[in-house]
PDB file of N, CA and C in Angstrom:
ATOM      1  N   MET A   1      98.405 140.834 154.317  1.00  0.00           N
ATOM      2  CA  MET A   1      98.471 139.913 153.194  1.00  0.00           C
ATOM      3  C   MET A   1      98.644 140.717 151.905  1.00  0.00           C
ATOM      4  N   PRO A   2      99.676 140.416 151.111  1.00  0.00           N
ATOM      5  CA  PRO A   2      99.901 141.164 149.872  1.00  0.00           C
ATOM      6  C   PRO A   2      98.811 140.889 148.841  1.00  0.00           C
ATOM      7  N   SER A   3      98.563 141.882 148.032  1.00  0.00           N
ATOM      8  CA  SER A   3      97.556 141.793 146.983  1.00  0.00           C
ATOM      9  C   SER A   3      98.061 140.921 145.839  1.00  0.00           C
ATOM     10  N   ASP A   4      97.129 140.225 145.176  1.00  0.00           N
ATOM     11  CA  ASP A   4      97.455 139.435 143.992  1.00  0.00           C
ATOM     12  C   ASP A   4      97.332 140.275 142.728  1.00  0.00           C
ATOM     13  N   CYS A   5      97.378 141.563 142.881  1.00  0.00           N
ATOM     14  CA  CYS A   5      97.206 142.479 141.765  1.00  0.00           C
ATOM     15  C   CYS A   5      98.559 142.806 141.131  1.00  0.00           C
ATOM     16  N   ASN A   6      98.671 142.546 139.855  1.00  0.00           N
ATOM     17  CA  ASN A   6      99.879 142.908 139.117  1.00  0.00           C
ATOM     18  C   ASN A   6      99.609 144.044 138.140  1.00  0.00           C
ATOM     19  N   ALA A   7      98.444 144.642 138.234  1.00  0.00           N
ATOM     20  CA  ALA A   7      98.058 145.705 137.301  1.00  0.00           C
ATOM     21  C   ALA A   7      98.678 147.031 137.716  1.00  0.00           C
ATOM     22  N   CYS A   8      99.147 147.759 136.733  1.00  0.00           N
ATOM     23  CA  CYS A   8      99.633 149.113 136.953  1.00  0.00           C
ATOM     24  C   CYS A   8      99.584 149.845 135.621  1.00  0.00           C
ATOM     25  N   PHE A   9      99.769 151.153 135.666  1.00  0.00           N
ATOM     26  CA  PHE A   9      99.793 151.911 134.415  1.00  0.00           C
ATOM     27  C   PHE A   9     101.155 152.561 134.265  1.00  0.00           C
ATOM     28  N   TYR A  10     101.524 152.784 133.031  1.00  0.00           N
ATOM     29  CA  TYR A  10     102.803 153.388 132.691  1.00  0.00           C
ATOM     30  C   TYR A  10     102.528 154.595 131.816  1.00  0.00           C
ATOM     31  N   ALA A  11     103.123 155.705 132.165  1.00  0.00           N
ATOM     32  CA  ALA A  11     102.846 156.954 131.451  1.00  0.00           C
ATOM     33  C   ALA A  11     103.659 157.114 130.173  1.00  0.00           C
ATOM     34  N   GLY A  12     104.578 156.236 129.912  1.00  0.00           N
ATOM     35  CA  GLY A  12     105.415 156.390 128.728  1.00  0.00           C
ATOM     36  C   GLY A  12     106.532 157.384 128.994  1.00  0.00           C
ATOM     37  N   ASP A  13     107.138 157.869 127.951  1.00  0.00           N
ATOM     38  CA  ASP A  13     108.234 158.824 128.106  1.00  0.00           C
ATOM     39  C   ASP A  13     107.688 160.185 128.519  1.00  0.00           C
ATOM     40  N   TYR A  14     108.352 160.784 129.457  1.00  0.00           N
ATOM     41  CA  TYR A  14     107.981 162.118 129.879  1.00  0.00           C
ATOM     42  C   TYR A  14     109.236 162.843 130.329  1.00  0.00           C
ATOM     43  N   GLU A  15     109.191 164.149 130.200  1.00  0.00           N
ATOM     44  CA  GLU A  15     110.330 164.992 130.550  1.00  0.00           C
ATOM     45  C   GLU A  15     110.291 165.326 132.037  1.00  0.00           C
ATOM     46  N   ALA A  16     111.396 165.110 132.715  1.00  0.00           N
ATOM     47  CA  ALA A  16     111.478 165.450 134.132  1.00  0.00           C
ATOM     48  C   ALA A  16     111.475 166.974 134.284  1.00  0.00           C
ATOM     49  N   PRO A  17     110.800 167.473 135.301  1.00  0.00           N
ATOM     50  CA  PRO A  17     110.760 168.933 135.499  1.00  0.00           C
ATOM     51  C   PRO A  17     112.068 169.460 136.085  1.00  0.00           C
ATOM     52  N   GLU A  18     112.282 170.753 135.912  1.00  0.00           N
ATOM     53  CA  GLU A  18     113.441 171.409 136.519  1.00  0.00           C
ATOM     54  C   GLU A  18     113.283 171.462 138.034  1.00  0.00           C
ATOM     55  N   PHE A  19     112.049 171.694 138.499  1.00  0.00           N
ATOM     56  CA  PHE A  19     111.755 171.559 139.927  1.00  0.00           C
ATOM     57  C   PHE A  19     110.340 171.051 140.086  1.00  0.00           C
ATOM     58  N   TYR A  20     110.086 170.439 141.235  1.00  0.00           N
ATOM     59  CA  TYR A  20     108.800 169.804 141.498  1.00  0.00           C
ATOM     60  C   TYR A  20     108.552 169.880 142.993  1.00  0.00           C
ATOM     61  N   VAL A  21     107.498 170.590 143.404  1.00  0.00           N
ATOM     62  CA  VAL A  21     107.179 170.755 144.819  1.00  0.00           C
ATOM     63  C   VAL A  21     105.777 170.200 145.051  1.00  0.00           C
ATOM     64  N   ARG A  22     105.695 169.204 145.918  1.00  0.00           N
ATOM     65  CA  ARG A  22     104.434 168.513 146.210  1.00  0.00           C
ATOM     66  C   ARG A  22     104.077 168.740 147.670  1.00  0.00           C
ATOM     67  N   THR A  23     102.907 169.342 147.920  1.00  0.00           N
ATOM     68  CA  THR A  23     102.452 169.576 149.291  1.00  0.00           C
ATOM     69  C   THR A  23     100.980 169.192 149.403  1.00  0.00           C
ATOM     70  N   VAL A  24     100.561 168.920 150.626  1.00  0.00           N
ATOM     71  CA  VAL A  24      99.144 168.709 150.895  1.00  0.00           C
ATOM     72  C   VAL A  24      98.655 169.967 151.583  1.00  0.00           C
ATOM     73  N   ARG A  25      97.586 170.525 151.045  1.00  0.00           N
ATOM     74  CA  ARG A  25      97.030 171.780 151.548  1.00  0.00           C
ATOM     75  C   ARG A  25      95.577 171.591 151.942  1.00  0.00           C
ATOM     76  N   VAL A  26      95.074 172.584 152.659  1.00  0.00           N
ATOM     77  CA  VAL A  26      93.640 172.693 152.923  1.00  0.00           C
ATOM     78  C   VAL A  26      93.130 173.801 152.013  1.00  0.00           C
ATOM     79  N   ALA A  27      92.122 173.480 151.216  1.00  0.00           N
ATOM     80  CA  ALA A  27      91.606 174.444 150.241  1.00  0.00           C
ATOM     81  C   ALA A  27      90.980 175.650 150.931  1.00  0.00           C
ATOM     82  N   ARG A  28      91.369 176.832 150.481  1.00  0.00           N
ATOM     83  CA  ARG A  28      90.733 178.067 150.944  1.00  0.00           C
ATOM     84  C   ARG A  28      89.648 178.514 149.984  1.00  0.00           C
ATOM     85  N   LYS A  29      89.738 178.032 148.747  1.00  0.00           N
ATOM     86  CA  LYS A  29      88.726 178.310 147.733  1.00  0.00           C
ATOM     87  C   LYS A  29      88.476 177.019 146.968  1.00  0.00           C
ATOM     88  N   GLU A  30      87.456 177.003 146.145  1.00  0.00           N
ATOM     89  CA  GLU A  30      87.142 175.809 145.377  1.00  0.00           C
ATOM     90  C   GLU A  30      88.168 175.600 144.257  1.00  0.00           C
ATOM     91  N   HIS A  31      88.559 174.352 144.070  1.00  0.00           N
ATOM     92  CA  HIS A  31      89.449 173.943 142.981  1.00  0.00           C
ATOM     93  C   HIS A  31      88.782 172.799 142.231  1.00  0.00           C
ATOM     94  N   SER A  32      89.332 172.468 141.082  1.00  0.00           N
ATOM     95  CA  SER A  32      88.906 171.296 140.330  1.00  0.00           C
ATOM     96  C   SER A  32      90.085 170.341 140.271  1.00  0.00           C
ATOM     97  N   CYS A  33      89.847 169.068 140.589  1.00  0.00           N
ATOM     98  CA  CYS A  33      90.918 168.069 140.553  1.00  0.00           C
ATOM     99  C   CYS A  33      91.473 167.989 139.128  1.00  0.00           C
ATOM    100  N   SER A  34      92.780 168.023 139.010  1.00  0.00           N
ATOM    101  CA  SER A  34      93.420 167.996 137.694  1.00  0.00           C
ATOM    102  C   SER A  34      93.334 166.619 137.035  1.00  0.00           C
ATOM    103  N   GLU A  35      92.870 165.610 137.757  1.00  0.00           N
ATOM    104  CA  GLU A  35      92.758 164.264 137.194  1.00  0.00           C
ATOM    105  C   GLU A  35      91.311 163.887 136.891  1.00  0.00           C
ATOM    106  N   CYS A  36      90.423 163.989 137.881  1.00  0.00           N
ATOM    107  CA  CYS A  36      89.028 163.539 137.694  1.00  0.00           C
ATOM    108  C   CYS A  36      88.052 164.700 137.554  1.00  0.00           C
ATOM    109  N   TYR A  37      88.523 165.914 137.742  1.00  0.00           N
ATOM    110  CA  TYR A  37      87.730 167.142 137.618  1.00  0.00           C
ATOM    111  C   TYR A  37      86.672 167.303 138.713  1.00  0.00           C
ATOM    112  N   ALA A  38      86.737 166.472 139.762  1.00  0.00           N
ATOM    113  CA  ALA A  38      85.811 166.636 140.889  1.00  0.00           C
ATOM    114  C   ALA A  38      86.111 167.955 141.587  1.00  0.00           C
ATOM    115  N   ARG A  39      85.102 168.502 142.224  1.00  0.00           N
ATOM    116  CA  ARG A  39      85.283 169.745 142.967  1.00  0.00           C
ATOM    117  C   ARG A  39      86.047 169.467 144.254  1.00  0.00           C
ATOM    118  N   ILE A  40      87.007 170.298 144.545  1.00  0.00           N
ATOM    119  CA  ILE A  40      87.710 170.300 145.826  1.00  0.00           C
ATOM    120  C   ILE A  40      87.180 171.520 146.554  1.00  0.00           C
ATOM    121  N   LEU A  41      86.429 171.287 147.605  1.00  0.00           N
ATOM    122  CA  LEU A  41      85.725 172.369 148.285  1.00  0.00           C
ATOM    123  C   LEU A  41      86.571 173.012 149.375  1.00  0.00           C
ATOM    124  N   PRO A  42      86.287 174.269 149.704  1.00  0.00           N
ATOM    125  CA  PRO A  42      87.003 174.917 150.811  1.00  0.00           C
ATOM    126  C   PRO A  42      86.926 174.054 152.075  1.00  0.00           C
ATOM    127  N   GLY A  43      88.075 173.906 152.729  1.00  0.00           N
ATOM    128  CA  GLY A  43      88.174 173.086 153.934  1.00  0.00           C
ATOM    129  C   GLY A  43      88.644 171.671 153.669  1.00  0.00           C
ATOM    130  N   GLU A  44      88.597 171.220 152.406  1.00  0.00           N
ATOM    131  CA  GLU A  44      89.061 169.865 152.076  1.00  0.00           C
ATOM    132  C   GLU A  44      90.570 169.863 151.841  1.00  0.00           C
ATOM    133  N   ARG A  45      91.183 168.759 152.202  1.00  0.00           N
ATOM    134  CA  ARG A  45      92.615 168.590 151.931  1.00  0.00           C
ATOM    135  C   ARG A  45      92.796 168.115 150.489  1.00  0.00           C
ATOM    136  N   TYR A  46      93.873 168.547 149.864  1.00  0.00           N
ATOM    137  CA  TYR A  46      94.190 168.149 148.495  1.00  0.00           C
ATOM    138  C   TYR A  46      95.701 168.268 148.289  1.00  0.00           C
ATOM    139  N   GLU A  47      96.192 167.621 147.242  1.00  0.00           N
ATOM    140  CA  GLU A  47      97.603 167.736 146.885  1.00  0.00           C
ATOM    141  C   GLU A  47      97.766 168.913 145.932  1.00  0.00           C
ATOM    142  N   HIS A  48      98.779 169.732 146.199  1.00  0.00           N
ATOM    143  CA  HIS A  48      99.109 170.837 145.302  1.00  0.00           C
ATOM    144  C   HIS A  48     100.531 170.609 144.814  1.00  0.00           C
ATOM    145  N   VAL A  49     100.712 170.582 143.512  1.00  0.00           N
ATOM    146  CA  VAL A  49     102.036 170.428 142.916  1.00  0.00           C
ATOM    147  C   VAL A  49     102.349 171.667 142.102  1.00  0.00           C
ATOM    148  N   SER A  50     103.537 172.204 142.313  1.00  0.00           N
ATOM    149  CA  SER A  50     104.086 173.267 141.473  1.00  0.00           C
ATOM    150  C   SER A  50     105.326 172.698 140.808  1.00  0.00           C
ATOM    151  N   ALA A  51     105.449 172.939 139.509  1.00  0.00           N
ATOM    152  CA  ALA A  51     106.587 172.388 138.783  1.00  0.00           C
ATOM    153  C   ALA A  51     106.937 173.302 137.609  1.00  0.00           C
ATOM    154  N   LYS A  52     108.153 173.114 137.110  1.00  0.00           N
ATOM    155  CA  LYS A  52     108.613 173.903 135.965  1.00  0.00           C
ATOM    156  C   LYS A  52     109.271 172.977 134.952  1.00  0.00           C
ATOM    157  N   TRP A  53     108.803 173.089 133.710  1.00  0.00           N
ATOM    158  CA  TRP A  53     109.399 172.395 132.579  1.00  0.00           C
ATOM    159  C   TRP A  53     109.869 173.464 131.607  1.00  0.00           C
ATOM    160  N   GLU A  54     111.164 173.499 131.327  1.00  0.00           N
ATOM    161  CA  GLU A  54     111.765 174.533 130.486  1.00  0.00           C
ATOM    162  C   GLU A  54     111.309 175.904 130.961  1.00  0.00           C
ATOM    163  N   GLU A  55     110.542 176.628 130.188  1.00  0.00           N
ATOM    164  CA  GLU A  55     110.102 177.962 130.596  1.00  0.00           C
ATOM    165  C   GLU A  55     108.674 177.978 131.134  1.00  0.00           C
ATOM    166  N   ILE A  56     108.070 176.818 131.302  1.00  0.00           N
ATOM    167  CA  ILE A  56     106.666 176.744 131.680  1.00  0.00           C
ATOM    168  C   ILE A  56     106.517 176.371 133.151  1.00  0.00           C
ATOM    169  N   LEU A  57     105.878 177.267 133.909  1.00  0.00           N
ATOM    170  CA  LEU A  57     105.507 176.992 135.292  1.00  0.00           C
ATOM    171  C   LEU A  57     104.078 176.467 135.280  1.00  0.00           C
ATOM    172  N   ASP A  58     103.812 175.440 136.077  1.00  0.00           N
ATOM    173  CA  ASP A  58     102.465 174.904 136.114  1.00  0.00           C
ATOM    174  C   ASP A  58     102.141 174.432 137.517  1.00  0.00           C
ATOM    175  N   SER A  59     100.859 174.320 137.816  1.00  0.00           N
ATOM    176  CA  SER A  59     100.438 173.795 139.112  1.00  0.00           C
ATOM    177  C   SER A  59      99.258 172.861 138.898  1.00  0.00           C
ATOM    178  N   PHE A  60      99.137 171.884 139.804  1.00  0.00           N
ATOM    179  CA  PHE A  60      98.123 170.848 139.671  1.00  0.00           C
ATOM    180  C   PHE A  60      97.482 170.568 141.026  1.00  0.00           C
ATOM    181  N   PRO A  61      96.219 170.967 141.213  1.00  0.00           N
ATOM    182  CA  PRO A  61      95.495 170.561 142.415  1.00  0.00           C
ATOM    183  C   PRO A  61      94.902 169.170 142.154  1.00  0.00           C
ATOM    184  N   THR A  62      95.087 168.253 143.072  1.00  0.00           N
ATOM    185  CA  THR A  62      94.589 166.890 142.880  1.00  0.00           C
ATOM    186  C   THR A  62      93.896 166.410 144.145  1.00  0.00           C
ATOM    187  N   CYS A  63      92.690 165.871 143.988  1.00  0.00           N
ATOM    188  CA  CYS A  63      91.969 165.345 145.152  1.00  0.00           C
ATOM    189  C   CYS A  63      92.747 164.165 145.725  1.00  0.00           C
ATOM    190  N   LEU A  64      92.617 163.950 147.021  1.00  0.00           N
ATOM    191  CA  LEU A  64      93.402 162.904 147.681  1.00  0.00           C
ATOM    192  C   LEU A  64      92.983 161.502 147.267  1.00  0.00           C
ATOM    193  N   VAL A  65      91.763 161.335 146.753  1.00  0.00           N
ATOM    194  CA  VAL A  65      91.350 160.032 146.234  1.00  0.00           C
ATOM    195  C   VAL A  65      92.157 159.698 144.976  1.00  0.00           C
ATOM    196  N   CYS A  66      92.280 160.635 144.059  1.00  0.00           N
ATOM    197  CA  CYS A  66      93.086 160.404 142.853  1.00  0.00           C
ATOM    198  C   CYS A  66      94.561 160.208 143.202  1.00  0.00           C
ATOM    199  N   VAL A  67      95.053 160.937 144.196  1.00  0.00           N
ATOM    200  CA  VAL A  67      96.442 160.776 144.630  1.00  0.00           C
ATOM    201  C   VAL A  67      96.669 159.353 145.125  1.00  0.00           C
ATOM    202  N   GLU A  68      95.763 158.848 145.943  1.00  0.00           N
ATOM    203  CA  GLU A  68      95.918 157.493 146.474  1.00  0.00           C
ATOM    204  C   GLU A  68      95.928 156.457 145.357  1.00  0.00           C
ATOM    205  N   ILE A  69      95.015 156.585 144.410  1.00  0.00           N
ATOM    206  CA  ILE A  69      94.942 155.646 143.290  1.00  0.00           C
ATOM    207  C   ILE A  69      96.191 155.759 142.423  1.00  0.00           C
ATOM    208  N   ARG A  70      96.579 156.970 142.093  1.00  0.00           N
ATOM    209  CA  ARG A  70      97.784 157.198 141.277  1.00  0.00           C
ATOM    210  C   ARG A  70      99.014 156.596 141.945  1.00  0.00           C
ATOM    211  N   ASP A  71      99.193 156.886 143.231  1.00  0.00           N
ATOM    212  CA  ASP A  71     100.387 156.409 143.930  1.00  0.00           C
ATOM    213  C   ASP A  71     100.410 154.887 144.061  1.00  0.00           C
ATOM    214  N   ALA A  72      99.244 154.256 144.115  1.00  0.00           N
ATOM    215  CA  ALA A  72      99.180 152.802 144.246  1.00  0.00           C
ATOM    216  C   ALA A  72      99.458 152.079 142.934  1.00  0.00           C
ATOM    217  N   PHE A  73      99.155 152.711 141.796  1.00  0.00           N
ATOM    218  CA  PHE A  73      99.195 151.983 140.529  1.00  0.00           C
ATOM    219  C   PHE A  73     100.145 152.530 139.466  1.00  0.00           C
ATOM    220  N   ALA A  74     100.823 153.643 139.696  1.00  0.00           N
ATOM    221  CA  ALA A  74     101.779 154.157 138.701  1.00  0.00           C
ATOM    222  C   ALA A  74     103.015 153.263 138.716  1.00  0.00           C
ATOM    223  N   CYS A  75     103.335 152.664 137.570  1.00  0.00           N
ATOM    224  CA  CYS A  75     104.490 151.748 137.484  1.00  0.00           C
ATOM    225  C   CYS A  75     105.804 152.504 137.618  1.00  0.00           C
ATOM    226  N   GLU A  76     105.998 153.447 136.752  1.00  0.00           N
ATOM    227  CA  GLU A  76     107.257 154.195 136.719  1.00  0.00           C
ATOM    228  C   GLU A  76     106.964 155.647 136.403  1.00  0.00           C
ATOM    229  N   GLY A  77     106.378 156.334 137.329  1.00  0.00           N
ATOM    230  CA  GLY A  77     106.062 157.733 137.109  1.00  0.00           C
ATOM    231  C   GLY A  77     104.696 157.912 136.477  1.00  0.00           C
ATOM    232  N   PHE A  78     104.331 159.159 136.307  1.00  0.00           N
ATOM    233  CA  PHE A  78     103.027 159.500 135.758  1.00  0.00           C
ATOM    234  C   PHE A  78     103.113 160.897 135.180  1.00  0.00           C
ATOM    235  N   VAL A  79     102.109 161.246 134.409  1.00  0.00           N
ATOM    236  CA  VAL A  79     101.993 162.583 133.841  1.00  0.00           C
ATOM    237  C   VAL A  79     100.723 163.205 134.410  1.00  0.00           C
ATOM    238  N   HIS A  80     100.863 164.380 135.007  1.00  0.00           N
ATOM    239  CA  HIS A  80      99.684 165.063 135.546  1.00  0.00           C
ATOM    240  C   HIS A  80      98.661 165.292 134.443  1.00  0.00           C
ATOM    241  N   THR A  81      97.418 165.164 134.778  1.00  0.00           N
ATOM    242  CA  THR A  81      96.223 165.349 133.942  1.00  0.00           C
ATOM    243  C   THR A  81      95.913 164.151 133.046  1.00  0.00           C
ATOM    244  N   THR A  82      96.771 163.125 133.007  1.00  0.00           N
ATOM    245  CA  THR A  82      96.500 161.961 132.143  1.00  0.00           C
ATOM    246  C   THR A  82      96.348 160.664 132.924  1.00  0.00           C
ATOM    247  N   VAL A  83      96.319 160.737 134.242  1.00  0.00           N
ATOM    248  CA  VAL A  83      96.305 159.516 135.054  1.00  0.00           C
ATOM    249  C   VAL A  83      95.118 158.620 134.707  1.00  0.00           C
ATOM    250  N   TRP A  84      93.904 159.184 134.638  1.00  0.00           N
ATOM    251  CA  TRP A  84      92.747 158.318 134.373  1.00  0.00           C
ATOM    252  C   TRP A  84      92.758 157.759 132.956  1.00  0.00           C
ATOM    253  N   SER A  85      93.185 158.512 131.973  1.00  0.00           N
ATOM    254  CA  SER A  85      93.269 157.941 130.625  1.00  0.00           C
ATOM    255  C   SER A  85      94.358 156.876 130.565  1.00  0.00           C
ATOM    256  N   ASP A  86      95.465 157.082 131.281  1.00  0.00           N
ATOM    257  CA  ASP A  86      96.524 156.072 131.327  1.00  0.00           C
ATOM    258  C   ASP A  86      96.040 154.804 132.035  1.00  0.00           C
ATOM    259  N   ILE A  87      95.239 154.950 133.086  1.00  0.00           N
ATOM    260  CA  ILE A  87      94.675 153.790 133.786  1.00  0.00           C
ATOM    261  C   ILE A  87      93.731 153.034 132.859  1.00  0.00           C
ATOM    262  N   ARG A  88      92.854 153.754 132.170  1.00  0.00           N
ATOM    263  CA  ARG A  88      91.905 153.097 131.263  1.00  0.00           C
ATOM    264  C   ARG A  88      92.632 152.352 130.145  1.00  0.00           C
ATOM    265  N   GLU A  89      93.657 152.983 129.581  1.00  0.00           N
ATOM    266  CA  GLU A  89      94.352 152.406 128.429  1.00  0.00           C
ATOM    267  C   GLU A  89      95.357 151.326 128.820  1.00  0.00           C
ATOM    268  N   GLY A  90      95.956 151.446 129.999  1.00  0.00           N
ATOM    269  CA  GLY A  90      97.054 150.546 130.307  1.00  0.00           C
ATOM    270  C   GLY A  90      96.898 149.650 131.510  1.00  0.00           C
ATOM    271  N   MET A  91      95.784 149.770 132.263  1.00  0.00           N
ATOM    272  CA  MET A  91      95.672 148.977 133.473  1.00  0.00           C
ATOM    273  C   MET A  91      94.375 148.192 133.572  1.00  0.00           C
ATOM    274  N   PHE A  92      93.266 148.778 133.167  1.00  0.00           N
ATOM    275  CA  PHE A  92      91.975 148.137 133.389  1.00  0.00           C
ATOM    276  C   PHE A  92      91.879 146.753 132.748  1.00  0.00           C
ATOM    277  N   GLU A  93      92.529 146.544 131.633  1.00  0.00           N
ATOM    278  CA  GLU A  93      92.472 145.250 130.943  1.00  0.00           C
ATOM    279  C   GLU A  93      92.972 144.118 131.834  1.00  0.00           C
ATOM    280  N   SER A  94      93.998 144.374 132.631  1.00  0.00           N
ATOM    281  CA  SER A  94      94.586 143.322 133.471  1.00  0.00           C
ATOM    282  C   SER A  94      94.170 143.403 134.938  1.00  0.00           C
ATOM    283  N   MET A  95      93.309 144.349 135.271  1.00  0.00           N
ATOM    284  CA  MET A  95      92.908 144.539 136.661  1.00  0.00           C
ATOM    285  C   MET A  95      91.949 143.449 137.126  1.00  0.00           C
ATOM    286  N   THR A  96      92.070 143.076 138.404  1.00  0.00           N
ATOM    287  CA  THR A  96      91.134 142.161 139.056  1.00  0.00           C
ATOM    288  C   THR A  96      90.639 142.841 140.330  1.00  0.00           C
ATOM    289  N   THR A  97      89.650 142.253 140.969  1.00  0.00           N
ATOM    290  CA  THR A  97      89.151 142.833 142.215  1.00  0.00           C
ATOM    291  C   THR A  97      90.212 142.795 143.315  1.00  0.00           C
ATOM    292  N   ALA A  98      91.209 141.944 143.193  1.00  0.00           N
ATOM    293  CA  ALA A  98      92.305 141.917 144.175  1.00  0.00           C
ATOM    294  C   ALA A  98      93.051 143.247 144.200  1.00  0.00           C
ATOM    295  N   CYS A  99      92.991 143.991 143.119  1.00  0.00           N
ATOM    296  CA  CYS A  99      93.680 145.284 143.051  1.00  0.00           C
ATOM    297  C   CYS A  99      93.111 146.288 144.045  1.00  0.00           C
ATOM    298  N   LEU A 100      91.867 146.122 144.417  1.00  0.00           N
ATOM    299  CA  LEU A 100      91.259 147.046 145.381  1.00  0.00           C
ATOM    300  C   LEU A 100      91.983 146.980 146.732  1.00  0.00           C
ATOM    301  N   GLU A 101      92.641 145.865 147.026  1.00  0.00           N
ATOM    302  CA  GLU A 101      93.376 145.707 148.283  1.00  0.00           C
ATOM    303  C   GLU A 101      94.582 146.639 148.373  1.00  0.00           C
ATOM    304  N   LYS A 102      95.038 147.162 147.256  1.00  0.00           N
ATOM    305  CA  LYS A 102      96.177 148.079 147.268  1.00  0.00           C
ATOM    306  C   LYS A 102      95.791 149.469 147.779  1.00  0.00           C
ATOM    307  N   LEU A 103      94.494 149.706 147.906  1.00  0.00           N
ATOM    308  CA  LEU A 103      93.992 151.004 148.353  1.00  0.00           C
ATOM    309  C   LEU A 103      93.539 150.905 149.801  1.00  0.00           C
ATOM    310  N   SER A 104      93.749 151.982 150.559  1.00  0.00           N
ATOM    311  CA  SER A 104      93.416 151.932 151.974  1.00  0.00           C
ATOM    312  C   SER A 104      92.080 152.581 152.322  1.00  0.00           C
ATOM    313  N   THR A 105      91.594 153.495 151.502  1.00  0.00           N
ATOM    314  CA  THR A 105      90.350 154.181 151.854  1.00  0.00           C
ATOM    315  C   THR A 105      89.171 153.648 151.040  1.00  0.00           C
ATOM    316  N   ALA A 106      88.013 153.675 151.666  1.00  0.00           N
ATOM    317  CA  ALA A 106      86.787 153.248 150.983  1.00  0.00           C
ATOM    318  C   ALA A 106      86.487 154.153 149.787  1.00  0.00           C
ATOM    319  N   ALA A 107      86.793 155.435 149.903  1.00  0.00           N
ATOM    320  CA  ALA A 107      86.524 156.376 148.810  1.00  0.00           C
ATOM    321  C   ALA A 107      87.357 156.032 147.573  1.00  0.00           C
ATOM    322  N   ALA A 108      88.625 155.691 147.761  1.00  0.00           N
ATOM    323  CA  ALA A 108      89.485 155.336 146.627  1.00  0.00           C
ATOM    324  C   ALA A 108      89.035 154.020 146.005  1.00  0.00           C
ATOM    325  N   LYS A 109      88.676 153.050 146.825  1.00  0.00           N
ATOM    326  CA  LYS A 109      88.182 151.765 146.304  1.00  0.00           C
ATOM    327  C   LYS A 109      86.909 151.973 145.495  1.00  0.00           C
ATOM    328  N   ALA A 110      85.986 152.786 146.020  1.00  0.00           N
ATOM    329  CA  ALA A 110      84.727 153.043 145.323  1.00  0.00           C
ATOM    330  C   ALA A 110      84.953 153.756 143.993  1.00  0.00           C
ATOM    331  N   LYS A 111      85.846 154.735 143.970  1.00  0.00           N
ATOM    332  CA  LYS A 111      86.119 155.490 142.735  1.00  0.00           C
ATOM    333  C   LYS A 111      86.756 154.588 141.678  1.00  0.00           C
ATOM    334  N   LEU A 112      87.752 153.785 142.083  1.00  0.00           N
ATOM    335  CA  LEU A 112      88.402 152.900 141.130  1.00  0.00           C
ATOM    336  C   LEU A 112      87.410 151.874 140.586  1.00  0.00           C
ATOM    337  N   LEU A 113      86.603 151.300 141.453  1.00  0.00           N
ATOM    338  CA  LEU A 113      85.616 150.311 141.026  1.00  0.00           C
ATOM    339  C   LEU A 113      84.579 150.936 140.096  1.00  0.00           C
ATOM    340  N   LYS A 114      84.123 152.144 140.398  1.00  0.00           N
ATOM    341  CA  LYS A 114      83.164 152.844 139.542  1.00  0.00           C
ATOM    342  C   LYS A 114      83.754 153.084 138.152  1.00  0.00           C
ATOM    343  N   GLU A 115      84.984 153.598 138.089  1.00  0.00           N
ATOM    344  CA  GLU A 115      85.633 153.876 136.795  1.00  0.00           C
ATOM    345  C   GLU A 115      85.882 152.585 136.012  1.00  0.00           C
ATOM    346  N   TRP A 116      86.291 151.536 136.710  1.00  0.00           N
ATOM    347  CA  TRP A 116      86.551 150.240 136.073  1.00  0.00           C
ATOM    348  C   TRP A 116      85.269 149.674 135.483  1.00  0.00           C
ATOM    349  N   ASN A 117      84.174 149.731 136.260  1.00  0.00           N
ATOM    350  CA  ASN A 117      82.888 149.226 135.763  1.00  0.00           C
ATOM    351  C   ASN A 117      82.397 150.040 134.574  1.00  0.00           C
ATOM    352  N   GLU A 118      82.581 151.353 134.610  1.00  0.00           N
ATOM    353  CA  GLU A 118      82.185 152.177 133.455  1.00  0.00           C
ATOM    354  C   GLU A 118      83.009 151.820 132.218  1.00  0.00           C
ATOM    355  N   TRP A 119      84.300 151.564 132.416  1.00  0.00           N
ATOM    356  CA  TRP A 119      85.163 151.170 131.303  1.00  0.00           C
ATOM    357  C   TRP A 119      84.739 149.789 130.776  1.00  0.00           C
ATOM    358  N   LYS A 120      84.508 148.865 131.694  1.00  0.00           N
ATOM    359  CA  LYS A 120      84.229 147.477 131.319  1.00  0.00           C
ATOM    360  C   LYS A 120      82.846 147.293 130.702  1.00  0.00           C
ATOM    361  N   PHE A 121      81.849 147.965 131.281  1.00  0.00           N
ATOM    362  CA  PHE A 121      80.470 147.750 130.847  1.00  0.00           C
ATOM    363  C   PHE A 121      79.889 148.933 130.089  1.00  0.00           C
ATOM    364  N   GLY A 122      80.654 150.001 129.953  1.00  0.00           N
ATOM    365  CA  GLY A 122      80.217 151.166 129.185  1.00  0.00           C
ATOM    366  C   GLY A 122      79.008 151.871 129.758  1.00  0.00           C
ATOM    367  N   GLN A 123      78.923 151.901 131.075  1.00  0.00           N
ATOM    368  CA  GLN A 123      77.759 152.541 131.707  1.00  0.00           C
ATOM    369  C   GLN A 123      78.035 153.977 132.014  1.00  0.00           C
TER     370      GLN A 123
END
């Protein structure tokens, strides 16, 4: 059954990279998620992105919970490191509990609901 959720976030204008490589890895050392800053511990799977914009090479480790939420709600692309601020500014206002149906894991549903409640009730 399709979700009744029409909420999504839009990152605005952004420059496309010269190259962009997205892989899922198993952490050999601890990382910090580039979106929520949660710890990614050794042995955990995470998304690793390497990209180049003009002369700048950059990489972004992202926990799979943030990846799932980002991929479910990005309208037309996203900017690494701004996903949660973009969600707060551009999606939470129109979000309903039906939006949780767009997510498949309990961890992603719990994280989105926690962030939404903190935004809505200031807790």
